[in-house]
Amino acid sequence: MKTLLHIVASPRGEASFSYRVGNAVVERFRRQHPDGKVDTLDLFAEELPRLTLNTVNNKYRLLSGKELDEATRPAWKPIEAHIERFKAADVVVIDSPMWNFGIPYVLKHYFDVILQPRYLFRYTANGVEGLAGDKRVVVVTARGGDYGPGSGGEAMDLVVPTLKTMLGFIGLKDPTFINIQPTLAGGPDAAQKRLDEALATARSLTF
């Protein structure tokens, strides 16, 4: 039985293009794997662990080859729980709007929580080794403007490079991106056309 982790990084629900297309990806998975499990993590509804002095110090302990500080292990358990939730998924779907050219703060917070040494990556004599396992990753993004190839705005797109870098660092080097753009420039008819194209792409995926 396959498990899909759906990470929602927009608070707008059905008003969000990224959410709607992300849901279409999830429904495509359900059709292909009717016995599969879908685990939804709404980053605006679920409170993530706070990164405090103790948790950051524990990260540095792990980076330096030491074990966790047992006195602060209770504060580390919620971090481990999110890491295990991520690692347990065979498919990860992330839907995210572009906010101020980058990802929403809650999505950055999530990656700050789960990207921990010895859990999702480790350093070896040959460099960094990702430990996320073999996963299919689909990222749906929505942007008000056009930042695609040939648009002239490519350098302002910090969403795709950021997510590619963080996912690649943990071994997930070939994510599928569905970028809906522009959703504001060109008026509602143009936006609907872009949405329809993205939905068609989502409904054509194979898992």
C-alpha atoms as a PDB file:
ATOM      1  CA  MET A   1       0.000   0.000   0.000  1.00  0.00           C
ATOM      2  CA  LYS A   2       1.427   3.351  -1.054  1.00  0.00           C
ATOM      3  CA  THR A   3       1.283   6.457   1.126  1.00  0.00           C
ATOM      4  CA  LEU A   4       1.045  10.024  -0.169  1.00  0.00           C
ATOM      5  CA  LEU A   5       1.942  12.991   2.020  1.00  0.00           C
ATOM      6  CA  HIS A   6       0.116  16.134   0.869  1.00  0.00           C
ATOM      7  CA  ILE A   7       1.807  19.263   2.223  1.00  0.00           C
ATOM      8  CA  VAL A   8      -0.438  22.321   1.924  1.00  0.00           C
ATOM      9  CA  ALA A   9       1.320  25.693   2.174  1.00  0.00           C
ATOM     10  CA  SER A  10      -1.556  28.053   1.344  1.00  0.00           C
ATOM     11  CA  PRO A  11      -4.210  29.271   3.817  1.00  0.00           C
ATOM     12  CA  ARG A  12      -6.729  30.109   1.050  1.00  0.00           C
ATOM     13  CA  GLY A  13      -8.333  26.715   0.491  1.00  0.00           C
ATOM     14  CA  GLU A  14     -10.290  26.412  -2.769  1.00  0.00           C
ATOM     15  CA  ALA A  15      -9.429  30.027  -3.639  1.00  0.00           C
ATOM     16  CA  SER A  16      -5.811  28.915  -4.032  1.00  0.00           C
ATOM     17  CA  PHE A  17      -4.738  27.711  -7.484  1.00  0.00           C
ATOM     18  CA  SER A  18      -1.861  25.705  -6.017  1.00  0.00           C
ATOM     19  CA  TYR A  19      -4.237  23.988  -3.580  1.00  0.00           C
ATOM     20  CA  ARG A  20      -6.749  23.113  -6.292  1.00  0.00           C
ATOM     21  CA  VAL A  21      -4.123  21.623  -8.573  1.00  0.00           C
ATOM     22  CA  GLY A  22      -2.460  19.887  -5.626  1.00  0.00           C
ATOM     23  CA  ASN A  23      -5.806  18.271  -4.834  1.00  0.00           C
ATOM     24  CA  ALA A  24      -6.072  17.144  -8.458  1.00  0.00           C
ATOM     25  CA  VAL A  25      -2.686  15.439  -8.081  1.00  0.00           C
ATOM     26  CA  VAL A  26      -3.927  13.718  -4.919  1.00  0.00           C
ATOM     27  CA  GLU A  27      -7.116  12.567  -6.671  1.00  0.00           C
ATOM     28  CA  ARG A  28      -5.026  11.181  -9.528  1.00  0.00           C
ATOM     29  CA  PHE A  29      -3.045   9.174  -6.969  1.00  0.00           C
ATOM     30  CA  ARG A  30      -6.273   7.908  -5.358  1.00  0.00           C
ATOM     31  CA  ARG A  31      -7.590   6.691  -8.723  1.00  0.00           C
ATOM     32  CA  GLN A  32      -4.404   4.771  -9.404  1.00  0.00           C
ATOM     33  CA  HIS A  33      -4.035   3.484  -5.836  1.00  0.00           C
ATOM     34  CA  PRO A  34      -7.550   3.076  -4.383  1.00  0.00           C
ATOM     35  CA  ASP A  35      -6.110   1.216  -1.401  1.00  0.00           C
ATOM     36  CA  GLY A  36      -3.447   3.883  -0.833  1.00  0.00           C
ATOM     37  CA  LYS A  37      -3.243   6.219   2.137  1.00  0.00           C
ATOM     38  CA  VAL A  38      -3.321  10.020   1.905  1.00  0.00           C
ATOM     39  CA  ASP A  39      -1.835  11.962   4.817  1.00  0.00           C
ATOM     40  CA  THR A  40      -2.595  15.705   4.629  1.00  0.00           C
ATOM     41  CA  LEU A  41      -0.359  18.177   6.446  1.00  0.00           C
ATOM     42  CA  ASP A  42      -1.904  21.659   6.341  1.00  0.00           C
ATOM     43  CA  LEU A  43       0.909  23.927   7.476  1.00  0.00           C
ATOM     44  CA  PHE A  44      -1.501  26.731   8.368  1.00  0.00           C
ATOM     45  CA  ALA A  45      -3.728  24.454  10.459  1.00  0.00           C
ATOM     46  CA  GLU A  46      -1.160  22.279  12.207  1.00  0.00           C
ATOM     47  CA  GLU A  47       1.316  23.880  14.587  1.00  0.00           C
ATOM     48  CA  LEU A  48       4.895  22.934  13.795  1.00  0.00           C
ATOM     49  CA  PRO A  49       7.525  22.435  16.514  1.00  0.00           C
ATOM     50  CA  ARG A  50       9.273  25.638  17.517  1.00  0.00           C
ATOM     51  CA  LEU A  51      13.002  25.688  16.943  1.00  0.00           C
ATOM     52  CA  THR A  52      14.475  26.788  20.246  1.00  0.00           C
ATOM     53  CA  LEU A  53      17.989  27.055  21.648  1.00  0.00           C
ATOM     54  CA  ASN A  54      17.756  23.450  22.855  1.00  0.00           C
ATOM     55  CA  THR A  55      16.604  22.017  19.529  1.00  0.00           C
ATOM     56  CA  VAL A  56      19.166  24.004  17.546  1.00  0.00           C
ATOM     57  CA  ASN A  57      21.898  22.886  19.960  1.00  0.00           C
ATOM     58  CA  ASN A  58      20.805  19.293  19.420  1.00  0.00           C
ATOM     59  CA  LYS A  59      21.202  19.746  15.664  1.00  0.00           C
ATOM     60  CA  TYR A  60      24.758  20.954  16.209  1.00  0.00           C
ATOM     61  CA  ARG A  61      25.435  17.987  18.501  1.00  0.00           C
ATOM     62  CA  LEU A  62      24.361  15.640  15.712  1.00  0.00           C
ATOM     63  CA  LEU A  63      26.448  17.540  13.163  1.00  0.00           C
ATOM     64  CA  SER A  64      29.531  17.188  15.381  1.00  0.00           C
ATOM     65  CA  GLY A  65      29.075  13.438  15.865  1.00  0.00           C
ATOM     66  CA  LYS A  66      27.588  13.597  19.352  1.00  0.00           C
ATOM     67  CA  GLU A  67      24.323  12.113  20.576  1.00  0.00           C
ATOM     68  CA  LEU A  68      21.222  14.085  21.507  1.00  0.00           C
ATOM     69  CA  ASP A  69      21.134  15.757  24.893  1.00  0.00           C
ATOM     70  CA  GLU A  70      18.856  13.433  26.874  1.00  0.00           C
ATOM     71  CA  ALA A  71      17.584  16.298  29.008  1.00  0.00           C
ATOM     72  CA  THR A  72      16.119  17.976  25.927  1.00  0.00           C
ATOM     73  CA  ARG A  73      14.945  14.831  24.113  1.00  0.00           C
ATOM     74  CA  PRO A  74      11.232  15.526  24.878  1.00  0.00           C
ATOM     75  CA  ALA A  75      11.484  18.731  22.810  1.00  0.00           C
ATOM     76  CA  TRP A  76      13.077  16.728  19.996  1.00  0.00           C
ATOM     77  CA  LYS A  77      10.311  14.124  19.755  1.00  0.00           C
ATOM     78  CA  PRO A  78       7.903  16.323  17.717  1.00  0.00           C
ATOM     79  CA  ILE A  79      10.744  16.961  15.253  1.00  0.00           C
ATOM     80  CA  GLU A  80      11.357  13.226  14.920  1.00  0.00           C
ATOM     81  CA  ALA A  81       7.633  12.662  14.401  1.00  0.00           C
ATOM     82  CA  HIS A  82       7.547  15.037  11.415  1.00  0.00           C
ATOM     83  CA  ILE A  83      10.685  13.473   9.949  1.00  0.00           C
ATOM     84  CA  GLU A  84       9.201   9.986  10.218  1.00  0.00           C
ATOM     85  CA  ARG A  85       5.943  11.222   8.689  1.00  0.00           C
ATOM     86  CA  PHE A  86       7.905  12.537   5.712  1.00  0.00           C
ATOM     87  CA  LYS A  87      10.078   9.433   5.373  1.00  0.00           C
ATOM     88  CA  ALA A  88       7.048   7.126   5.548  1.00  0.00           C
ATOM     89  CA  ALA A  89       5.575   8.601   2.357  1.00  0.00           C
ATOM     90  CA  ASP A  90       6.122   6.999  -1.034  1.00  0.00           C
ATOM     91  CA  VAL A  91       4.807  10.125  -2.762  1.00  0.00           C
ATOM     92  CA  VAL A  92       5.095  13.725  -1.536  1.00  0.00           C
ATOM     93  CA  VAL A  93       2.906  16.470  -2.999  1.00  0.00           C
ATOM     94  CA  ILE A  94       3.709  20.059  -2.050  1.00  0.00           C
ATOM     95  CA  ASP A  95       1.405  22.870  -3.098  1.00  0.00           C
ATOM     96  CA  SER A  96       2.709  26.357  -2.513  1.00  0.00           C
ATOM     97  CA  PRO A  97       1.998  29.888  -3.690  1.00  0.00           C
ATOM     98  CA  MET A  98       4.812  32.304  -4.426  1.00  0.00           C
ATOM     99  CA  TRP A  99       4.961  34.944  -1.704  1.00  0.00           C
ATOM    100  CA  ASN A 100       7.336  37.854  -2.291  1.00  0.00           C
ATOM    101  CA  PHE A 101       9.222  35.753  -4.854  1.00  0.00           C
ATOM    102  CA  GLY A 102       9.823  32.889  -2.396  1.00  0.00           C
ATOM    103  CA  ILE A 103       8.014  30.163  -0.484  1.00  0.00           C
ATOM    104  CA  PRO A 104       5.624  30.955   2.400  1.00  0.00           C
ATOM    105  CA  TYR A 105       7.264  31.131   5.806  1.00  0.00           C
ATOM    106  CA  VAL A 106       5.416  28.043   7.047  1.00  0.00           C
ATOM    107  CA  LEU A 107       6.954  25.898   4.308  1.00  0.00           C
ATOM    108  CA  LYS A 108      10.449  27.164   5.159  1.00  0.00           C
ATOM    109  CA  HIS A 109       9.687  26.414   8.829  1.00  0.00           C
ATOM    110  CA  TYR A 110       8.671  22.872   7.872  1.00  0.00           C
ATOM    111  CA  PHE A 111      11.929  22.224   6.031  1.00  0.00           C
ATOM    112  CA  ASP A 112      13.883  23.741   8.926  1.00  0.00           C
ATOM    113  CA  VAL A 113      12.162  21.182  11.173  1.00  0.00           C
ATOM    114  CA  ILE A 114      12.736  18.068   9.070  1.00  0.00           C
ATOM    115  CA  LEU A 115      16.157  18.697   7.491  1.00  0.00           C
ATOM    116  CA  GLN A 116      18.146  17.177  10.326  1.00  0.00           C
ATOM    117  CA  PRO A 117      21.524  15.408  10.179  1.00  0.00           C
ATOM    118  CA  ARG A 118      21.515  11.601  10.476  1.00  0.00           C
ATOM    119  CA  TYR A 119      17.784  11.606   9.724  1.00  0.00           C
ATOM    120  CA  LEU A 120      17.490  13.024   6.196  1.00  0.00           C
ATOM    121  CA  PHE A 121      21.139  13.614   5.308  1.00  0.00           C
ATOM    122  CA  ARG A 122      24.647  12.795   6.430  1.00  0.00           C
ATOM    123  CA  TYR A 123      28.152  13.869   5.557  1.00  0.00           C
ATOM    124  CA  THR A 124      30.511  11.250   4.136  1.00  0.00           C
ATOM    125  CA  ALA A 125      34.013  11.217   2.690  1.00  0.00           C
ATOM    126  CA  ASN A 126      32.379  11.736  -0.698  1.00  0.00           C
ATOM    127  CA  GLY A 127      30.182  14.637   0.379  1.00  0.00           C
ATOM    128  CA  VAL A 128      26.552  14.886   1.408  1.00  0.00           C
ATOM    129  CA  GLU A 129      24.386  11.770   1.199  1.00  0.00           C
ATOM    130  CA  GLY A 130      20.609  12.183   1.147  1.00  0.00           C
ATOM    131  CA  LEU A 131      18.637   9.791   3.341  1.00  0.00           C
ATOM    132  CA  ALA A 132      15.075  10.557   2.248  1.00  0.00           C
ATOM    133  CA  GLY A 133      14.781   7.304   0.314  1.00  0.00           C
ATOM    134  CA  ASP A 134      13.118   6.658  -3.020  1.00  0.00           C
ATOM    135  CA  LYS A 135      10.130   8.995  -3.333  1.00  0.00           C
ATOM    136  CA  ARG A 136       8.121  10.605  -6.093  1.00  0.00           C
ATOM    137  CA  VAL A 137       7.821  14.338  -5.410  1.00  0.00           C
ATOM    138  CA  VAL A 138       5.340  16.641  -7.143  1.00  0.00           C
ATOM    139  CA  VAL A 139       5.480  20.374  -6.430  1.00  0.00           C
ATOM    140  CA  VAL A 140       2.622  22.652  -7.497  1.00  0.00           C
ATOM    141  CA  THR A 141       3.318  26.381  -7.417  1.00  0.00           C
ATOM    142  CA  ALA A 142       1.145  29.372  -8.293  1.00  0.00           C
ATOM    143  CA  ARG A 143       2.453  32.838  -9.105  1.00  0.00           C
ATOM    144  CA  GLY A 144       0.684  36.089  -9.887  1.00  0.00           C
ATOM    145  CA  GLY A 145       3.261  37.017 -12.527  1.00  0.00           C
ATOM    146  CA  ASP A 146       5.185  35.044 -15.117  1.00  0.00           C
ATOM    147  CA  TYR A 147       8.652  33.921 -14.037  1.00  0.00           C
ATOM    148  CA  GLY A 148       9.071  31.087 -16.537  1.00  0.00           C
ATOM    149  CA  PRO A 149      11.744  30.646 -19.219  1.00  0.00           C
ATOM    150  CA  GLY A 150      11.809  33.579 -21.617  1.00  0.00           C
ATOM    151  CA  SER A 151       9.694  35.799 -19.364  1.00  0.00           C
ATOM    152  CA  GLY A 152      12.550  38.045 -18.276  1.00  0.00           C
ATOM    153  CA  GLY A 153      11.611  37.405 -14.653  1.00  0.00           C
ATOM    154  CA  GLU A 154      13.446  34.120 -14.195  1.00  0.00           C
ATOM    155  CA  ALA A 155      15.920  35.547 -11.658  1.00  0.00           C
ATOM    156  CA  MET A 156      13.059  36.586  -9.364  1.00  0.00           C
ATOM    157  CA  ASP A 157      11.778  33.027  -9.017  1.00  0.00           C
ATOM    158  CA  LEU A 158      13.194  31.874  -5.689  1.00  0.00           C
ATOM    159  CA  VAL A 159      10.580  29.138  -5.276  1.00  0.00           C
ATOM    160  CA  VAL A 160      11.841  26.495  -7.696  1.00  0.00           C
ATOM    161  CA  PRO A 161      15.570  26.916  -6.869  1.00  0.00           C
ATOM    162  CA  THR A 162      14.894  26.822  -3.118  1.00  0.00           C
ATOM    163  CA  LEU A 163      12.758  23.693  -3.247  1.00  0.00           C
ATOM    164  CA  LYS A 164      15.052  21.949  -5.741  1.00  0.00           C
ATOM    165  CA  THR A 165      18.034  22.653  -3.492  1.00  0.00           C
ATOM    166  CA  MET A 166      16.422  21.460  -0.258  1.00  0.00           C
ATOM    167  CA  LEU A 167      14.874  18.371  -1.835  1.00  0.00           C
ATOM    168  CA  GLY A 168      18.074  17.536  -3.709  1.00  0.00           C
ATOM    169  CA  PHE A 169      20.120  17.897  -0.523  1.00  0.00           C
ATOM    170  CA  ILE A 170      18.176  15.020   1.047  1.00  0.00           C
ATOM    171  CA  GLY A 171      18.395  12.870  -2.073  1.00  0.00           C
ATOM    172  CA  LEU A 172      15.211  13.833  -3.922  1.00  0.00           C
ATOM    173  CA  LYS A 173      16.830  15.149  -7.070  1.00  0.00           C
ATOM    174  CA  ASP A 174      14.086  14.839  -9.675  1.00  0.00           C
ATOM    175  CA  PRO A 175      10.898  16.535  -8.432  1.00  0.00           C
ATOM    176  CA  THR A 176       8.095  17.235 -10.898  1.00  0.00           C
ATOM    177  CA  PHE A 177       7.076  20.918 -10.947  1.00  0.00           C
ATOM    178  CA  ILE A 178       3.696  22.192 -12.108  1.00  0.00           C
ATOM    179  CA  ASN A 179       3.995  25.986 -12.182  1.00  0.00           C
ATOM    180  CA  ILE A 180       0.769  27.942 -12.691  1.00  0.00           C
ATOM    181  CA  GLN A 181       1.643  31.387 -14.024  1.00  0.00           C
ATOM    182  CA  PRO A 182       0.541  34.105 -14.358  1.00  0.00           C
ATOM    183  CA  THR A 183      -2.578  33.933 -12.198  1.00  0.00           C
ATOM    184  CA  LEU A 184      -3.115  37.714 -12.005  1.00  0.00           C
ATOM    185  CA  ALA A 185      -1.505  39.294 -15.062  1.00  0.00           C
ATOM    186  CA  GLY A 186      -3.726  39.039 -18.139  1.00  0.00           C
ATOM    187  CA  GLY A 187      -7.082  38.929 -16.386  1.00  0.00           C
ATOM    188  CA  PRO A 188      -9.401  36.140 -15.210  1.00  0.00           C
ATOM    189  CA  ASP A 189      -9.762  34.408 -18.591  1.00  0.00           C
ATOM    190  CA  ALA A 190      -6.006  33.973 -18.913  1.00  0.00           C
ATOM    191  CA  ALA A 191      -5.810  32.774 -15.309  1.00  0.00           C
ATOM    192  CA  GLN A 192      -8.528  30.179 -15.927  1.00  0.00           C
ATOM    193  CA  LYS A 193      -6.657  28.952 -19.000  1.00  0.00           C
ATOM    194  CA  ARG A 194      -3.474  28.487 -16.962  1.00  0.00           C
ATOM    195  CA  LEU A 195      -5.433  26.706 -14.234  1.00  0.00           C
ATOM    196  CA  ASP A 196      -7.074  24.365 -16.744  1.00  0.00           C
ATOM    197  CA  GLU A 197      -3.687  23.541 -18.274  1.00  0.00           C
ATOM    198  CA  ALA A 198      -2.230  22.766 -14.847  1.00  0.00           C
ATOM    199  CA  LEU A 199      -5.223  20.596 -13.916  1.00  0.00           C
ATOM    200  CA  ALA A 200      -4.795  18.644 -17.155  1.00  0.00           C
ATOM    201  CA  THR A 201      -1.133  18.055 -16.318  1.00  0.00           C
ATOM    202  CA  ALA A 202      -2.031  16.927 -12.787  1.00  0.00           C
ATOM    203  CA  ARG A 203      -4.612  14.481 -14.135  1.00  0.00           C
ATOM    204  CA  SER A 204      -2.087  12.956 -16.540  1.00  0.00           C
ATOM    205  CA  LEU A 205       0.500  11.984 -13.919  1.00  0.00           C
ATOM    206  CA  THR A 206       1.380   8.362 -13.267  1.00  0.00           C
ATOM    207  CA  PHE A 207       2.218   7.045  -9.807  1.00  0.00           C
END
